C-alpha atoms as a PDB file:
ATOM      1  CA  MET A   1    -212.134  92.702 127.277  1.00  0.00           C
ATOM      2  CA  ASP A   2    -210.335  91.487 124.191  1.00  0.00           C
ATOM      3  CA  TYR A   3    -210.466  87.693 124.085  1.00  0.00           C
ATOM      4  CA  THR A   4    -212.332  84.833 122.424  1.00  0.00           C
ATOM      5  CA  ILE A   5    -212.995  81.267 123.556  1.00  0.00           C
ATOM      6  CA  LYS A   6    -214.015  78.669 120.982  1.00  0.00           C
ATOM      7  CA  ASN A   7    -213.989  74.895 121.303  1.00  0.00           C
ATOM      8  CA  MET A   8    -212.076  73.430 118.354  1.00  0.00           C
ATOM      9  CA  ARG A   9    -214.783  70.772 117.854  1.00  0.00           C
ATOM     10  CA  GLU A  10    -217.215  73.616 117.041  1.00  0.00           C
ATOM     11  CA  VAL A  11    -215.041  74.867 114.152  1.00  0.00           C
ATOM     12  CA  LYS A  12    -216.080  73.543 110.721  1.00  0.00           C
ATOM     13  CA  ASP A  13    -214.138  70.545 109.457  1.00  0.00           C
ATOM     14  CA  ALA A  14    -212.524  71.629 106.179  1.00  0.00           C
ATOM     15  CA  ALA A  15    -211.489  68.034 105.401  1.00  0.00           C
ATOM     16  CA  ALA A  16    -215.106  66.859 105.487  1.00  0.00           C
ATOM     17  CA  GLU A  17    -216.119  69.738 103.217  1.00  0.00           C
ATOM     18  CA  ALA A  18    -213.380  68.671 100.766  1.00  0.00           C
ATOM     19  CA  GLY A  19    -214.487  65.011 100.801  1.00  0.00           C
ATOM     20  CA  LEU A  20    -211.425  63.855 102.760  1.00  0.00           C
ATOM     21  CA  SER A  21    -213.113  62.719 105.964  1.00  0.00           C
ATOM     22  CA  ASP A  22    -212.030  59.089 105.429  1.00  0.00           C
ATOM     23  CA  SER A  23    -208.466  60.042 106.297  1.00  0.00           C
ATOM     24  CA  LEU A  24    -208.491  63.512 107.863  1.00  0.00           C
ATOM     25  CA  GLU A  25    -210.097  66.077 110.088  1.00  0.00           C
ATOM     26  CA  ALA A  26    -208.916  69.690 109.723  1.00  0.00           C
ATOM     27  CA  ARG A  27    -210.331  72.598 111.718  1.00  0.00           C
ATOM     28  CA  PHE A  28    -208.790  75.999 110.920  1.00  0.00           C
ATOM     29  CA  ALA A  29    -209.895  78.249 113.760  1.00  0.00           C
ATOM     30  CA  HIS A  30    -208.114  81.572 113.262  1.00  0.00           C
ATOM     31  CA  GLU A  31    -211.202  83.305 111.847  1.00  0.00           C
ATOM     32  CA  ASP A  32    -213.471  81.762 114.493  1.00  0.00           C
ATOM     33  CA  VAL A  33    -211.443  83.391 117.266  1.00  0.00           C
ATOM     34  CA  GLY A  34    -210.647  86.586 115.371  1.00  0.00           C
ATOM     35  CA  ALA A  35    -206.880  86.015 115.182  1.00  0.00           C
ATOM     36  CA  GLU A  36    -205.271  88.745 113.122  1.00  0.00           C
ATOM     37  CA  GLY A  37    -201.729  87.487 112.561  1.00  0.00           C
ATOM     38  CA  THR A  38    -201.634  83.941 113.914  1.00  0.00           C
ATOM     39  CA  GLY A  39    -202.950  80.960 112.010  1.00  0.00           C
ATOM     40  CA  PHE A  40    -203.684  77.725 113.835  1.00  0.00           C
ATOM     41  CA  SER A  41    -205.593  74.511 113.377  1.00  0.00           C
ATOM     42  CA  TYR A  42    -206.557  71.215 114.947  1.00  0.00           C
ATOM     43  CA  GLN A  43    -205.830  68.326 112.602  1.00  0.00           C
ATOM     44  CA  VAL A  44    -206.336  64.592 112.871  1.00  0.00           C
ATOM     45  CA  VAL A  45    -204.835  61.989 110.571  1.00  0.00           C
ATOM     46  CA  LYS A  46    -206.960  58.914 111.153  1.00  0.00           C
ATOM     47  CA  ALA A  47    -205.363  55.678 112.358  1.00  0.00           C
ATOM     48  CA  GLY A  48    -203.444  53.859 109.632  1.00  0.00           C
ATOM     49  CA  GLN A  49    -203.940  56.711 107.132  1.00  0.00           C
ATOM     50  CA  ARG A  50    -201.686  59.200 105.383  1.00  0.00           C
ATOM     51  CA  GLN A  51    -202.529  62.735 104.438  1.00  0.00           C
ATOM     52  CA  PRO A  52    -203.699  62.495 100.806  1.00  0.00           C
ATOM     53  CA  PHE A  53    -201.347  65.324  99.775  1.00  0.00           C
ATOM     54  CA  ALA A  54    -198.202  67.098 100.896  1.00  0.00           C
ATOM     55  CA  HIS A  55    -197.674  70.833 101.108  1.00  0.00           C
ATOM     56  CA  LYS A  56    -195.089  73.546 101.627  1.00  0.00           C
ATOM     57  CA  HIS A  57    -195.130  77.311 102.091  1.00  0.00           C
ATOM     58  CA  GLY A  58    -193.558  80.270 100.381  1.00  0.00           C
ATOM     59  CA  GLU A  59    -192.704  82.225 103.527  1.00  0.00           C
ATOM     60  CA  ALA A  60    -194.535  80.908 106.608  1.00  0.00           C
ATOM     61  CA  GLU A  61    -192.912  78.442 109.000  1.00  0.00           C
ATOM     62  CA  GLU A  62    -195.207  76.135 110.976  1.00  0.00           C
ATOM     63  CA  ILE A  63    -195.063  74.554 114.409  1.00  0.00           C
ATOM     64  CA  TYR A  64    -196.803  71.191 114.839  1.00  0.00           C
ATOM     65  CA  VAL A  65    -197.466  69.743 118.298  1.00  0.00           C
ATOM     66  CA  VAL A  66    -198.525  66.102 118.550  1.00  0.00           C
ATOM     67  CA  ILE A  67    -201.209  66.009 121.222  1.00  0.00           C
ATOM     68  CA  SER A  68    -201.967  62.289 120.932  1.00  0.00           C
ATOM     69  CA  GLY A  69    -201.087  59.279 118.872  1.00  0.00           C
ATOM     70  CA  GLY A  70    -197.962  58.917 116.833  1.00  0.00           C
ATOM     71  CA  GLY A  71    -196.755  58.025 113.395  1.00  0.00           C
ATOM     72  CA  LYS A  72    -194.408  59.279 110.731  1.00  0.00           C
ATOM     73  CA  LEU A  73    -193.637  62.624 109.170  1.00  0.00           C
ATOM     74  CA  LYS A  74    -192.055  62.961 105.741  1.00  0.00           C
ATOM     75  CA  LEU A  75    -189.903  66.072 105.389  1.00  0.00           C
ATOM     76  CA  ASP A  76    -188.733  66.368 101.770  1.00  0.00           C
ATOM     77  CA  ASP A  77    -186.954  62.999 101.345  1.00  0.00           C
ATOM     78  CA  GLU A  78    -186.524  62.150 105.056  1.00  0.00           C
ATOM     79  CA  VAL A  79    -189.054  60.144 107.105  1.00  0.00           C
ATOM     80  CA  VAL A  80    -189.007  60.549 110.899  1.00  0.00           C
ATOM     81  CA  ASP A  81    -190.972  58.931 113.713  1.00  0.00           C
ATOM     82  CA  ILE A  82    -193.112  61.281 115.810  1.00  0.00           C
ATOM     83  CA  GLY A  83    -195.039  60.831 119.034  1.00  0.00           C
ATOM     84  CA  ARG A  84    -197.067  62.478 121.758  1.00  0.00           C
ATOM     85  CA  LEU A  85    -195.922  65.970 122.784  1.00  0.00           C
ATOM     86  CA  ASP A  86    -193.297  66.232 120.057  1.00  0.00           C
ATOM     87  CA  ALA A  87    -193.036  69.856 118.923  1.00  0.00           C
ATOM     88  CA  ILE A  88    -191.872  70.145 115.330  1.00  0.00           C
ATOM     89  CA  ARG A  89    -190.835  73.385 113.594  1.00  0.00           C
ATOM     90  CA  ILE A  90    -190.862  73.169 109.809  1.00  0.00           C
ATOM     91  CA  GLY A  91    -189.353  75.862 107.603  1.00  0.00           C
ATOM     92  CA  PRO A  92    -191.473  77.175 104.741  1.00  0.00           C
ATOM     93  CA  SER A  93    -189.821  75.415 101.794  1.00  0.00           C
ATOM     94  CA  ILE A  94    -189.836  71.926 103.338  1.00  0.00           C
ATOM     95  CA  VAL A  95    -192.431  69.620 101.761  1.00  0.00           C
ATOM     96  CA  ARG A  96    -194.329  67.828 104.535  1.00  0.00           C
ATOM     97  CA  ALA A  97    -196.941  65.119 105.055  1.00  0.00           C
ATOM     98  CA  PHE A  98    -198.055  63.018 108.030  1.00  0.00           C
ATOM     99  CA  GLU A  99    -198.949  59.357 108.484  1.00  0.00           C
ATOM    100  CA  ALA A 100    -200.775  58.040 111.562  1.00  0.00           C
ATOM    101  CA  GLY A 101    -199.768  54.856 113.327  1.00  0.00           C
ATOM    102  CA  ASP A 102    -202.222  52.481 115.026  1.00  0.00           C
ATOM    103  CA  GLU A 103    -204.094  55.389 116.669  1.00  0.00           C
ATOM    104  CA  ASP A 104    -205.374  58.705 115.347  1.00  0.00           C
ATOM    105  CA  LEU A 105    -202.582  61.273 115.080  1.00  0.00           C
ATOM    106  CA  GLU A 106    -203.865  64.513 116.651  1.00  0.00           C
ATOM    107  CA  LEU A 107    -201.989  67.731 115.905  1.00  0.00           C
ATOM    108  CA  LEU A 108    -202.175  71.377 116.867  1.00  0.00           C
ATOM    109  CA  VAL A 109    -200.608  73.523 114.161  1.00  0.00           C
ATOM    110  CA  PHE A 110    -199.463  77.129 114.536  1.00  0.00           C
ATOM    111  CA  GLY A 111    -198.041  79.578 112.034  1.00  0.00           C
ATOM    112  CA  GLN A 112    -198.171  83.030 110.598  1.00  0.00           C
ATOM    113  CA  ARG A 113    -201.396  83.869 108.762  1.00  0.00           C
ATOM    114  CA  ALA A 114    -200.346  84.193 105.169  1.00  0.00           C
ATOM    115  CA  LYS A 115    -203.283  83.720 102.833  1.00  0.00           C
ATOM    116  CA  GLY A 116    -202.245  82.028  99.599  1.00  0.00           C
ATOM    117  CA  ASP A 117    -198.814  81.052 101.000  1.00  0.00           C
ATOM    118  CA  ALA A 118    -199.461  77.281 101.062  1.00  0.00           C
ATOM    119  CA  GLU A 119    -198.772  75.158  97.999  1.00  0.00           C
ATOM    120  CA  ILE A 120    -200.051  71.610  97.478  1.00  0.00           C
ATOM    121  CA  VAL A 121    -197.285  69.354  96.135  1.00  0.00           C
ATOM    122  CA  GLN A 122    -198.707  67.056  93.468  1.00  0.00           C
ATOM    123  CA  ASP A 123    -195.720  64.768  92.754  1.00  0.00           C
ATOM    124  CA  PHE A 124    -195.077  63.823  96.386  1.00  0.00           C
ATOM    125  CA  SER A 125    -194.388  60.152  97.132  1.00  0.00           C
ATOM    126  CA  TRP A 126    -193.643  58.243 100.316  1.00  0.00           C
ATOM    127  CA  ASP A 127    -191.530  55.737  98.356  1.00  0.00           C
END
């Protein structure tokens, strides 16, 4: 049978490894389950925190699903409110970053696996 089951809490936390555990948790599980073309992750922006960077992609769109909490999402120069069970599709060239409200903002993120497609945006500002 061709399937894999893996609890997302058992996937290594890339944010902790990068020294970002004060504000984030990020578990990229595609390799853990053997996904060939689909990338996905479980991400948490901790209550009252913002992601410490923004990013965009060259070709891959992403789908974010808020599984708990709420907050704000900055999409290029627009800031929108987001909440539980919102599904958000973001095109590749849109610069994005999340901010949690009073509770942790928990996200499931899905997209095409495209190694090297993500770009950190250094001059990103919420102001």
